[in-house]
C-alpha atoms as a PDB file:
ATOM      1  CA  MET A   1      77.204 -35.806 121.471  1.00  0.00           C
ATOM      2  CA  ALA A   2      76.457 -39.494 121.784  1.00  0.00           C
ATOM      3  CA  ASN A   3      75.852 -41.606 118.714  1.00  0.00           C
ATOM      4  CA  PRO A   4      72.195 -41.889 117.751  1.00  0.00           C
ATOM      5  CA  THR A   5      70.396 -45.035 118.897  1.00  0.00           C
ATOM      6  CA  THR A   6      67.072 -44.524 117.113  1.00  0.00           C
ATOM      7  CA  LYS A   7      66.080 -43.652 113.583  1.00  0.00           C
ATOM      8  CA  GLN A   8      64.683 -40.285 114.700  1.00  0.00           C
ATOM      9  CA  GLU A   9      67.940 -39.458 116.509  1.00  0.00           C
ATOM     10  CA  LEU A  10      69.928 -40.454 113.415  1.00  0.00           C
ATOM     11  CA  LEU A  11      67.824 -38.305 111.101  1.00  0.00           C
ATOM     12  CA  ALA A  12      67.982 -35.391 113.542  1.00  0.00           C
ATOM     13  CA  ALA A  13      71.778 -35.704 113.866  1.00  0.00           C
ATOM     14  CA  MET A  14      72.185 -35.728 110.098  1.00  0.00           C
ATOM     15  CA  ALA A  15      69.867 -32.710 109.642  1.00  0.00           C
ATOM     16  CA  ASP A  16      71.430 -30.753 112.520  1.00  0.00           C
ATOM     17  CA  GLY A  17      74.935 -31.387 111.236  1.00  0.00           C
ATOM     18  CA  TYR A  18      74.004 -30.205 107.768  1.00  0.00           C
ATOM     19  CA  ALA A  19      72.374 -27.077 109.202  1.00  0.00           C
ATOM     20  CA  GLN A  20      75.511 -26.326 111.230  1.00  0.00           C
ATOM     21  CA  LEU A  21      77.680 -26.729 108.133  1.00  0.00           C
ATOM     22  CA  ASN A  22      75.496 -24.299 106.207  1.00  0.00           C
ATOM     23  CA  GLU A  23      75.532 -21.843 109.121  1.00  0.00           C
ATOM     24  CA  GLN A  24      79.333 -21.968 109.178  1.00  0.00           C
ATOM     25  CA  ILE A  25      79.542 -21.388 105.433  1.00  0.00           C
ATOM     26  CA  ALA A  26      77.144 -18.434 105.760  1.00  0.00           C
ATOM     27  CA  LYS A  27      79.437 -16.891 108.396  1.00  0.00           C
ATOM     28  CA  MET A  28      82.367 -16.962 105.995  1.00  0.00           C
ATOM     29  CA  SER A  29      83.277 -14.120 103.679  1.00  0.00           C
ATOM     30  CA  VAL A  30      83.543 -14.542  99.917  1.00  0.00           C
ATOM     31  CA  ALA A  31      87.318 -14.337 100.300  1.00  0.00           C
ATOM     32  CA  GLU A  32      87.232 -17.163 102.852  1.00  0.00           C
ATOM     33  CA  HIS A  33      85.039 -19.209 100.502  1.00  0.00           C
ATOM     34  CA  THR A  34      87.598 -18.992  97.723  1.00  0.00           C
ATOM     35  CA  ALA A  35      90.891 -18.913  99.644  1.00  0.00           C
ATOM     36  CA  PRO A  36      92.930 -22.108  99.486  1.00  0.00           C
ATOM     37  CA  PHE A  37      93.160 -24.189 102.636  1.00  0.00           C
ATOM     38  CA  SER A  38      96.508 -24.140 104.393  1.00  0.00           C
ATOM     39  CA  PHE A  39      96.956 -26.580 107.243  1.00  0.00           C
ATOM     40  CA  ALA A  40     100.738 -26.797 107.028  1.00  0.00           C
ATOM     41  CA  ALA A  41     101.161 -25.379 110.550  1.00  0.00           C
ATOM     42  CA  ASP A  42      99.083 -28.187 112.046  1.00  0.00           C
ATOM     43  CA  PRO A  43      98.156 -30.911 109.530  1.00  0.00           C
ATOM     44  CA  LYS A  44      96.567 -32.985 112.326  1.00  0.00           C
ATOM     45  CA  LYS A  45      93.728 -30.467 112.464  1.00  0.00           C
ATOM     46  CA  CYS A  46      92.726 -31.470 108.965  1.00  0.00           C
ATOM     47  CA  GLY A  47      93.002 -35.253 109.162  1.00  0.00           C
ATOM     48  CA  VAL A  48      94.099 -37.749 106.547  1.00  0.00           C
ATOM     49  CA  ARG A  49      90.634 -38.108 105.030  1.00  0.00           C
ATOM     50  CA  TRP A  50      90.620 -34.416 104.108  1.00  0.00           C
ATOM     51  CA  GLN A  51      94.204 -33.954 102.876  1.00  0.00           C
ATOM     52  CA  ASN A  52      93.237 -33.568  99.238  1.00  0.00           C
ATOM     53  CA  ASP A  53      90.688 -30.835  99.873  1.00  0.00           C
ATOM     54  CA  ARG A  54      92.269 -27.542  98.864  1.00  0.00           C
ATOM     55  CA  CYS A  55      89.271 -25.228  99.294  1.00  0.00           C
ATOM     56  CA  LEU A  56      85.634 -25.079 100.377  1.00  0.00           C
ATOM     57  CA  ARG A  57      84.454 -26.412  97.012  1.00  0.00           C
ATOM     58  CA  ASP A  58      86.687 -29.475  97.367  1.00  0.00           C
ATOM     59  CA  LEU A  59      85.405 -30.126 100.882  1.00  0.00           C
ATOM     60  CA  LEU A  60      81.771 -30.007  99.753  1.00  0.00           C
ATOM     61  CA  ILE A  61      82.427 -32.154  96.677  1.00  0.00           C
ATOM     62  CA  HIS A  62      84.277 -34.660  98.848  1.00  0.00           C
ATOM     63  CA  LEU A  63      81.197 -35.025 101.074  1.00  0.00           C
ATOM     64  CA  TYR A  64      78.900 -35.277  98.055  1.00  0.00           C
ATOM     65  CA  GLU A  65      80.936 -37.959  96.285  1.00  0.00           C
ATOM     66  CA  TRP A  66      81.092 -40.109  99.423  1.00  0.00           C
ATOM     67  CA  GLN A  67      77.315 -39.762  99.660  1.00  0.00           C
ATOM     68  CA  LEU A  68      77.059 -40.971  96.054  1.00  0.00           C
ATOM     69  CA  LEU A  69      79.024 -44.053  97.089  1.00  0.00           C
ATOM     70  CA  MET A  70      76.587 -44.580  99.949  1.00  0.00           C
ATOM     71  CA  SER A  71      73.631 -44.228  97.609  1.00  0.00           C
ATOM     72  CA  THR A  72      75.065 -46.920  95.326  1.00  0.00           C
ATOM     73  CA  PHE A  73      75.836 -49.118  98.331  1.00  0.00           C
ATOM     74  CA  VAL A  74      72.248 -48.876  99.582  1.00  0.00           C
ATOM     75  CA  LYS A  75      70.758 -49.459  96.120  1.00  0.00           C
ATOM     76  CA  ASN A  76      72.886 -52.592  95.743  1.00  0.00           C
ATOM     77  CA  ILE A  77      71.659 -53.864  99.099  1.00  0.00           C
ATOM     78  CA  LEU A  78      68.021 -53.178  98.281  1.00  0.00           C
ATOM     79  CA  GLU A  79      68.355 -54.831  94.869  1.00  0.00           C
ATOM     80  CA  GLY A  80      69.897 -57.939  96.431  1.00  0.00           C
ATOM     81  CA  HIS A  81      73.392 -57.355  95.036  1.00  0.00           C
ATOM     82  CA  PRO A  82      75.542 -57.204  98.161  1.00  0.00           C
ATOM     83  CA  LYS A  83      78.708 -55.358  97.231  1.00  0.00           C
ATOM     84  CA  ASP A  84      81.193 -53.635  99.467  1.00  0.00           C
ATOM     85  CA  TYR A  85      80.849 -49.925 100.071  1.00  0.00           C
ATOM     86  CA  LEU A  86      84.078 -48.966  98.308  1.00  0.00           C
ATOM     87  CA  PRO A  87      84.836 -50.001  94.744  1.00  0.00           C
ATOM     88  CA  ASP A  88      87.335 -52.870  94.625  1.00  0.00           C
ATOM     89  CA  GLU A  89      90.131 -50.726  93.215  1.00  0.00           C
ATOM     90  CA  TYR A  90      89.986 -48.340  96.202  1.00  0.00           C
ATOM     91  CA  ARG A  91      89.322 -50.660  99.111  1.00  0.00           C
ATOM     92  CA  LYS A  92      92.960 -50.574 100.243  1.00  0.00           C
ATOM     93  CA  ASN A  93      93.706 -47.000  99.202  1.00  0.00           C
ATOM     94  CA  TYR A  94      90.667 -44.778  99.482  1.00  0.00           C
ATOM     95  CA  HIS A  95      92.893 -41.700  99.838  1.00  0.00           C
ATOM     96  CA  GLU A  96      93.757 -42.173  96.159  1.00  0.00           C
ATOM     97  CA  MET A  97      90.040 -42.138  95.439  1.00  0.00           C
ATOM     98  CA  ASP A  98      89.703 -38.887  97.441  1.00  0.00           C
ATOM     99  CA  ARG A  99      92.463 -37.359  95.323  1.00  0.00           C
ATOM    100  CA  MET A 100      90.689 -38.418  92.133  1.00  0.00           C
ATOM    101  CA  ILE A 101      87.394 -36.960  93.388  1.00  0.00           C
ATOM    102  CA  VAL A 102      88.998 -33.571  93.887  1.00  0.00           C
ATOM    103  CA  GLU A 103      90.695 -33.681  90.491  1.00  0.00           C
ATOM    104  CA  LYS A 104      87.436 -34.678  88.788  1.00  0.00           C
ATOM    105  CA  HIS A 105      85.712 -31.560  90.117  1.00  0.00           C
ATOM    106  CA  GLN A 106      88.291 -28.842  89.483  1.00  0.00           C
ATOM    107  CA  ASN A 107      85.888 -27.175  87.045  1.00  0.00           C
ATOM    108  CA  THR A 108      82.884 -27.454  89.368  1.00  0.00           C
ATOM    109  CA  SER A 109      81.837 -24.094  90.810  1.00  0.00           C
ATOM    110  CA  LEU A 110      81.309 -23.563  94.525  1.00  0.00           C
ATOM    111  CA  GLU A 111      77.623 -22.898  93.863  1.00  0.00           C
ATOM    112  CA  LYS A 112      77.295 -26.175  91.945  1.00  0.00           C
ATOM    113  CA  ALA A 113      79.135 -28.022  94.751  1.00  0.00           C
ATOM    114  CA  GLN A 114      76.712 -26.579  97.305  1.00  0.00           C
ATOM    115  CA  GLY A 115      73.745 -27.690  95.199  1.00  0.00           C
ATOM    116  CA  LEU A 116      75.160 -31.174  94.716  1.00  0.00           C
ATOM    117  CA  LEU A 117      75.802 -31.551  98.438  1.00  0.00           C
ATOM    118  CA  GLN A 118      72.261 -30.444  99.207  1.00  0.00           C
ATOM    119  CA  GLN A 119      70.963 -33.109  96.813  1.00  0.00           C
ATOM    120  CA  GLY A 120      73.263 -35.705  98.369  1.00  0.00           C
ATOM    121  CA  HIS A 121      72.197 -34.771 101.883  1.00  0.00           C
ATOM    122  CA  GLU A 122      68.506 -34.990 100.981  1.00  0.00           C
ATOM    123  CA  GLU A 123      69.145 -38.394  99.404  1.00  0.00           C
ATOM    124  CA  MET A 124      70.908 -39.598 102.577  1.00  0.00           C
ATOM    125  CA  LEU A 125      67.942 -38.506 104.707  1.00  0.00           C
ATOM    126  CA  ARG A 126      65.497 -40.199 102.319  1.00  0.00           C
ATOM    127  CA  LEU A 127      67.500 -43.424 102.269  1.00  0.00           C
ATOM    128  CA  ALA A 128      67.980 -43.507 106.046  1.00  0.00           C
ATOM    129  CA  GLU A 129      64.255 -42.915 106.472  1.00  0.00           C
ATOM    130  CA  SER A 130      63.509 -45.956 104.276  1.00  0.00           C
ATOM    131  CA  PHE A 131      65.155 -48.370 106.740  1.00  0.00           C
ATOM    132  CA  SER A 132      63.591 -49.765 109.884  1.00  0.00           C
ATOM    133  CA  GLU A 133      65.207 -49.261 113.310  1.00  0.00           C
ATOM    134  CA  GLU A 134      66.357 -52.881 113.223  1.00  0.00           C
ATOM    135  CA  GLU A 135      67.919 -52.519 109.766  1.00  0.00           C
ATOM    136  CA  LEU A 136      69.674 -49.308 110.785  1.00  0.00           C
ATOM    137  CA  PHE A 137      71.030 -50.315 114.187  1.00  0.00           C
ATOM    138  CA  THR A 138      71.664 -54.067 114.071  1.00  0.00           C
ATOM    139  CA  LYS A 139      75.339 -54.659 113.362  1.00  0.00           C
ATOM    140  CA  GLY A 140      75.759 -56.967 110.403  1.00  0.00           C
ATOM    141  CA  TYR A 141      72.053 -56.928 109.554  1.00  0.00           C
ATOM    142  CA  TYR A 142      73.107 -56.854 105.920  1.00  0.00           C
ATOM    143  CA  LYS A 143      75.878 -59.196 104.845  1.00  0.00           C
ATOM    144  CA  ASN A 144      77.977 -56.440 103.314  1.00  0.00           C
ATOM    145  CA  THR A 145      77.894 -54.245 106.441  1.00  0.00           C
ATOM    146  CA  TYR A 146      79.917 -56.950 108.205  1.00  0.00           C
ATOM    147  CA  THR A 147      80.232 -55.974 111.899  1.00  0.00           C
ATOM    148  CA  THR A 148      78.947 -52.431 111.406  1.00  0.00           C
ATOM    149  CA  SER A 149      75.437 -51.035 111.457  1.00  0.00           C
ATOM    150  CA  MET A 150      73.822 -49.249 108.531  1.00  0.00           C
ATOM    151  CA  ALA A 151      73.415 -46.200 110.801  1.00  0.00           C
ATOM    152  CA  ALA A 152      77.197 -46.070 111.203  1.00  0.00           C
ATOM    153  CA  TYR A 153      77.555 -45.940 107.422  1.00  0.00           C
ATOM    154  CA  PHE A 154      75.092 -43.037 107.235  1.00  0.00           C
ATOM    155  CA  LEU A 155      77.008 -41.191 109.947  1.00  0.00           C
ATOM    156  CA  SER A 156      80.298 -41.788 108.136  1.00  0.00           C
ATOM    157  CA  VAL A 157      79.073 -40.059 104.962  1.00  0.00           C
ATOM    158  CA  THR A 158      77.588 -37.092 106.807  1.00  0.00           C
ATOM    159  CA  PRO A 159      80.612 -35.949 108.857  1.00  0.00           C
ATOM    160  CA  TYR A 160      79.393 -32.374 108.854  1.00  0.00           C
ATOM    161  CA  GLY A 161      80.865 -31.677 112.300  1.00  0.00           C
ATOM    162  CA  GLN A 162      84.333 -32.511 110.987  1.00  0.00           C
ATOM    163  CA  ALA A 163      83.759 -30.272 107.989  1.00  0.00           C
ATOM    164  CA  VAL A 164      82.735 -27.389 110.284  1.00  0.00           C
ATOM    165  CA  LYS A 165      85.947 -27.845 112.303  1.00  0.00           C
ATOM    166  CA  ILE A 166      87.985 -27.722 109.108  1.00  0.00           C
ATOM    167  CA  LEU A 167      86.270 -24.508 108.038  1.00  0.00           C
ATOM    168  CA  LYS A 168      86.802 -22.890 111.442  1.00  0.00           C
ATOM    169  CA  THR A 169      90.478 -23.829 111.322  1.00  0.00           C
ATOM    170  CA  HIS A 170      90.660 -22.424 107.791  1.00  0.00           C
ATOM    171  CA  GLN A 171      89.204 -19.123 108.989  1.00  0.00           C
ATOM    172  CA  LYS A 172      91.623 -18.946 111.936  1.00  0.00           C
ATOM    173  CA  ASN A 173      94.567 -19.663 109.658  1.00  0.00           C
ATOM    174  CA  LEU A 174      93.518 -16.890 107.278  1.00  0.00           C
ATOM    175  CA  LYS A 175      93.330 -14.406 110.133  1.00  0.00           C
ATOM    176  CA  LYS A 176      96.896 -15.277 111.150  1.00  0.00           C
ATOM    177  CA  THR A 177      98.259 -14.363 107.722  1.00  0.00           C
END
């Protein structure tokens, strides 16, 4: 699928991706929901960004926490405080931040993670809706987006297609054992 070029396409892509993620989760058994991920046979299928996710809950929390970062990023822009997307301490090592996110939420239930992600997704749709086409799709429109468009940032924090692929791989791996 091509990258969205209009606000409506962006919103539709975000909503469709979230729906697909929820459909994939609904197809999974309770055992698959709670089983630990194991990508040792082919770690490339998981990707570096997702290495710290050990189960479905971690994957959902990971998405949610990155959406929280996006929410803060957008609020800073709208309040006239241009700050970079990532906190200074993680700009060069965001994988360490991913690890800390997972550790922070070890006592979060899967149900709570699903609810938090739903809230985060709704917030991303609301925030994306608040921007004009020009603000969303003009690269560098805001100083702190540098040579990237705001739409690209929204797409980066709603990588639901990647999450679906991870879950499908997880299911396949469980069937092999």
